[in-house]
Amino acid sequence: MIPRVLEPEVMDSEGEALEYDQMDHSAVNRAFAADFLRLWNSKNPLLDVGTGTAQIPIEICRQDSRPVFTAVDLAPSMLKLADRNVALAGLVNRIFPKLVDAKGLPYADGEFGGVVSNSIIHHIPEPAAALREMVRVCASGGCLFVRDLMRPTDHPELRRLVDLHAAGANDRQRQLFADSLHASLTLAEVRELVASLGFAPDTVQATSDRHWTWAAVR
């Protein structure tokens, strides 16, 4: 198993934010939204942790007219693009981007009907704190839906995934994807984390050749 090599926790240069926003995440985002909506019990409001440029809440709101999101991130450059994207999507009354640290959410226990997060855990050196906060602010009976990249077993597999899934990307985007894979957790590591929070390990599953998903009811 290749070792975990951390990325910067906050991607906060304008160039990095723009590179990320311009990568084609459309198919992955559509799948995330559809999978979450199958689990969601219609409780609002919702929280998106590590929203980046708000692509996930935008896609969820496109697929369903009911969700209302607080969308938090620690990177001002990402949130600047999030504000733009939300406005362009006509969703300023349903998605509210905020500058917030996932490791210390400024919200009350059980404040949100559900919590989602896509591809933020691999940015956090000690992700248990962020997962613990997501559980804390989720209402009883609310859903937790967290998805991220899964660290490959070896470097040839990492290169295969980059070649397969970033074939049309530029060199900088391919490097960002490779770095993210290298910084990600393994399935076993995530299962150990959720077990420490009182959830069954099998609530975490490998859901593609490069993703794990934690889907649970609080």
Protein backbone atom coordinates (compact mmCIF):
# COMPACT_ATOMS: atom_id res chain seq x y z
CA MET A 1 0.00 0.00 0.00
CA ILE A 2 1.43 3.38 -0.94
CA PRO A 3 1.76 5.81 2.00
CA ARG A 4 -0.57 8.75 2.43
CA VAL A 5 1.08 11.98 1.21
CA LEU A 6 -0.85 15.03 2.34
CA GLU A 7 -1.98 17.88 0.12
CA PRO A 8 -2.37 21.43 1.43
CA GLU A 9 -5.50 21.53 3.58
CA VAL A 10 -6.75 24.71 1.88
CA MET A 11 -6.60 25.20 -1.89
CA ASP A 12 -6.72 28.98 -1.81
CA SER A 13 -4.89 30.40 -4.79
CA GLU A 14 -7.14 31.82 -7.47
CA GLY A 15 -5.37 29.65 -10.03
CA GLU A 16 -5.96 26.42 -8.11
CA ALA A 17 -9.60 27.29 -7.50
CA LEU A 18 -10.12 28.03 -11.19
CA GLU A 19 -8.34 24.83 -12.28
CA TYR A 20 -10.55 22.81 -9.95
CA ASP A 21 -13.73 24.51 -11.10
CA GLN A 22 -12.90 23.96 -14.76
CA MET A 23 -12.26 20.22 -14.40
CA ASP A 24 -15.11 18.09 -15.69
CA HIS A 25 -16.78 16.70 -12.55
CA SER A 26 -20.24 16.60 -14.13
CA ALA A 27 -20.77 12.83 -14.22
CA VAL A 28 -19.40 12.32 -10.71
CA ASN A 29 -21.50 15.20 -9.36
CA ARG A 30 -24.68 13.89 -10.98
CA ALA A 31 -24.09 10.48 -9.43
CA PHE A 32 -23.39 12.01 -6.01
CA ALA A 33 -26.61 14.03 -6.14
CA ALA A 34 -28.75 11.10 -7.24
CA ASP A 35 -27.26 8.77 -4.62
CA PHE A 36 -27.79 11.32 -1.85
CA LEU A 37 -31.37 12.05 -2.84
CA ARG A 38 -32.21 8.35 -2.65
CA LEU A 39 -31.12 8.39 1.00
CA TRP A 40 -32.45 11.83 1.99
CA ASN A 41 -35.62 11.90 4.08
CA SER A 42 -36.58 15.47 3.01
CA LYS A 43 -35.35 17.08 6.24
CA ASN A 44 -33.99 20.62 5.80
CA PRO A 45 -31.77 22.55 6.12
CA LEU A 46 -28.79 20.69 4.73
CA LEU A 47 -25.07 21.28 5.20
CA ASP A 48 -22.39 20.74 2.55
CA VAL A 49 -18.97 20.49 4.18
CA GLY A 50 -16.02 21.45 1.98
CA THR A 51 -18.23 22.80 -0.77
CA GLY A 52 -15.39 24.14 -2.91
CA THR A 53 -17.05 25.98 -5.77
CA ALA A 54 -20.53 24.70 -4.77
CA GLN A 55 -20.88 22.22 -7.61
CA ILE A 56 -22.44 19.53 -5.38
CA PRO A 57 -25.27 21.58 -3.80
CA ILE A 58 -26.00 23.13 -7.19
CA GLU A 59 -26.39 19.70 -8.79
CA ILE A 60 -28.54 18.43 -5.90
CA CYS A 61 -30.80 21.48 -6.18
CA ARG A 62 -31.08 20.96 -9.93
CA GLN A 63 -32.27 17.41 -9.38
CA ASP A 64 -34.73 18.23 -6.58
CA SER A 65 -36.62 21.44 -5.84
CA ARG A 66 -36.73 20.97 -2.05
CA PRO A 67 -33.17 21.09 -0.62
CA VAL A 68 -31.83 24.25 1.04
CA PHE A 69 -28.09 24.32 1.77
CA THR A 70 -25.55 26.05 3.91
CA ALA A 71 -22.34 25.37 1.95
CA VAL A 72 -19.10 25.80 3.89
CA ASP A 73 -15.45 25.92 2.90
CA LEU A 74 -12.18 27.25 4.34
CA ALA A 75 -10.86 28.71 1.07
CA PRO A 76 -11.98 32.26 0.17
CA SER A 77 -10.95 31.77 -3.47
CA MET A 78 -13.18 28.70 -3.74
CA LEU A 79 -16.07 30.55 -2.12
CA LYS A 80 -15.69 33.46 -4.52
CA LEU A 81 -16.32 31.04 -7.38
CA ALA A 82 -19.06 29.33 -5.36
CA ASP A 83 -20.91 32.65 -5.06
CA ARG A 84 -20.59 33.14 -8.81
CA ASN A 85 -21.74 29.62 -9.64
CA VAL A 86 -24.72 29.80 -7.31
CA ALA A 87 -25.81 33.09 -8.84
CA LEU A 88 -25.43 31.77 -12.39
CA ALA A 89 -27.53 28.75 -11.45
CA GLY A 90 -30.26 30.99 -10.05
CA LEU A 91 -30.02 29.39 -6.61
CA VAL A 92 -29.14 32.31 -4.33
CA ASN A 93 -32.26 31.65 -2.24
CA ARG A 94 -31.41 27.97 -1.69
CA ILE A 95 -27.60 27.78 -1.37
CA PHE A 96 -25.69 29.97 1.09
CA PRO A 97 -21.86 29.72 0.90
CA LYS A 98 -20.01 30.46 4.15
CA LEU A 99 -16.34 30.67 5.21
CA VAL A 100 -16.15 27.94 7.88
CA ASP A 101 -13.60 25.38 9.12
CA ALA A 102 -14.96 21.83 8.86
CA LYS A 103 -13.01 20.85 11.98
CA GLY A 104 -14.93 23.33 14.15
CA LEU A 105 -18.38 23.98 12.75
CA PRO A 106 -20.08 27.03 14.36
CA TYR A 107 -23.48 25.33 14.46
CA ALA A 108 -25.62 23.81 17.19
CA ASP A 109 -25.92 20.10 17.82
CA GLY A 110 -28.50 18.61 15.46
CA GLU A 111 -28.98 21.85 13.53
CA PHE A 112 -29.09 20.23 10.08
CA GLY A 113 -31.49 17.68 8.64
CA GLY A 114 -28.63 16.11 6.70
CA VAL A 115 -24.93 16.57 6.01
CA VAL A 116 -23.11 15.92 2.75
CA SER A 117 -19.46 16.17 1.85
CA ASN A 118 -17.62 15.42 -1.36
CA SER A 119 -13.84 15.10 -1.69
CA ILE A 120 -12.85 17.11 1.38
CA ILE A 121 -11.68 14.38 3.76
CA HIS A 122 -8.43 13.77 1.85
CA HIS A 123 -7.45 17.43 2.40
CA ILE A 124 -7.60 17.13 6.19
CA PRO A 125 -4.51 15.76 7.99
CA GLU A 126 -6.58 14.35 10.89
CA PRO A 127 -10.05 13.79 9.38
CA ALA A 128 -11.65 12.37 12.52
CA ALA A 129 -12.34 15.90 13.78
CA ALA A 130 -14.28 16.84 10.65
CA LEU A 131 -16.29 13.62 10.65
CA ARG A 132 -17.07 14.07 14.34
CA GLU A 133 -18.37 17.59 13.65
CA MET A 134 -20.56 16.36 10.78
CA VAL A 135 -22.15 13.81 13.13
CA ARG A 136 -22.63 16.41 15.86
CA VAL A 137 -24.53 18.94 13.73
CA CYS A 138 -26.70 16.30 12.03
CA ALA A 139 -30.19 15.90 13.50
CA SER A 140 -31.35 12.59 14.90
CA GLY A 141 -32.79 10.66 11.98
CA GLY A 142 -30.90 12.85 9.51
CA CYS A 143 -28.61 11.42 6.86
CA LEU A 144 -24.85 11.60 6.60
CA PHE A 145 -23.52 11.21 3.07
CA VAL A 146 -19.77 11.54 2.63
CA ARG A 147 -17.83 10.55 -0.48
CA ASP A 148 -14.15 10.90 -1.29
CA LEU A 149 -11.33 9.41 -3.28
CA MET A 150 -9.81 6.11 -2.21
CA ARG A 151 -6.03 5.70 -2.06
CA PRO A 152 -4.76 3.15 -4.62
CA THR A 153 -2.72 0.18 -3.52
CA ASP A 154 0.34 1.03 -5.63
CA HIS A 155 1.78 3.60 -8.03
CA PRO A 156 0.88 1.72 -11.26
CA GLU A 157 -2.76 1.70 -10.14
CA LEU A 158 -2.57 5.41 -9.33
CA ARG A 159 -1.22 6.16 -12.81
CA ARG A 160 -3.92 3.97 -14.37
CA LEU A 161 -6.65 5.90 -12.58
CA VAL A 162 -5.19 9.25 -13.67
CA ASP A 163 -4.87 8.08 -17.28
CA LEU A 164 -8.40 6.71 -17.25
CA HIS A 165 -10.28 9.45 -15.45
CA ALA A 166 -8.25 12.55 -16.34
CA ALA A 167 -7.44 11.67 -19.94
CA GLY A 168 -8.78 14.97 -21.28
CA ALA A 169 -7.35 17.15 -18.53
CA ASN A 170 -4.32 19.41 -18.77
CA ASP A 171 -1.05 18.56 -17.00
CA ARG A 172 -1.82 20.69 -13.94
CA GLN A 173 -5.26 19.13 -13.53
CA ARG A 174 -3.82 15.62 -13.92
CA GLN A 175 -1.27 16.41 -11.21
CA LEU A 176 -3.99 17.72 -8.88
CA PHE A 177 -5.93 14.48 -9.36
CA ALA A 178 -2.84 12.34 -8.75
CA ASP A 179 -1.98 14.33 -5.60
CA SER A 180 -5.54 13.90 -4.34
CA LEU A 181 -5.41 10.14 -4.84
CA HIS A 182 -2.12 10.02 -2.96
CA ALA A 183 -3.59 12.03 -0.07
CA SER A 184 -6.75 9.95 0.24
CA LEU A 185 -7.68 7.36 2.83
CA THR A 186 -8.08 3.65 2.23
CA LEU A 187 -11.40 1.91 2.70
CA ALA A 188 -10.09 0.26 5.87
CA GLU A 189 -8.95 3.59 7.30
CA VAL A 190 -12.34 5.21 6.76
CA ARG A 191 -14.16 2.23 8.26
CA GLU A 192 -11.97 2.47 11.35
CA LEU A 193 -12.82 6.17 11.68
CA VAL A 194 -16.60 5.73 11.44
CA ALA A 195 -16.46 2.80 13.87
CA SER A 196 -14.77 5.11 16.38
CA LEU A 197 -17.79 7.42 16.01
CA GLY A 198 -20.23 4.63 16.80
CA PHE A 199 -21.30 3.64 13.27
CA ALA A 200 -21.09 0.22 11.67
CA PRO A 201 -17.95 -0.14 9.53
CA ASP A 202 -20.00 -1.50 6.64
CA THR A 203 -21.79 1.85 6.30
CA VAL A 204 -18.64 2.71 4.30
CA GLN A 205 -18.44 1.03 0.92
CA ALA A 206 -16.26 1.27 -2.18
CA THR A 207 -18.65 2.81 -4.71
CA SER A 208 -16.36 3.08 -7.74
CA ASP A 209 -12.82 2.18 -8.71
CA ARG A 210 -11.65 5.38 -7.01
CA HIS A 211 -14.32 6.38 -4.44
CA TRP A 212 -15.55 5.32 -1.03
CA THR A 213 -18.91 6.46 0.33
CA TRP A 214 -20.15 6.69 3.90
CA ALA A 215 -23.95 6.64 3.94
CA ALA A 216 -25.61 6.49 7.34
CA VAL A 217 -28.61 7.70 9.34
CA ARG A 218 -27.80 9.61 12.52
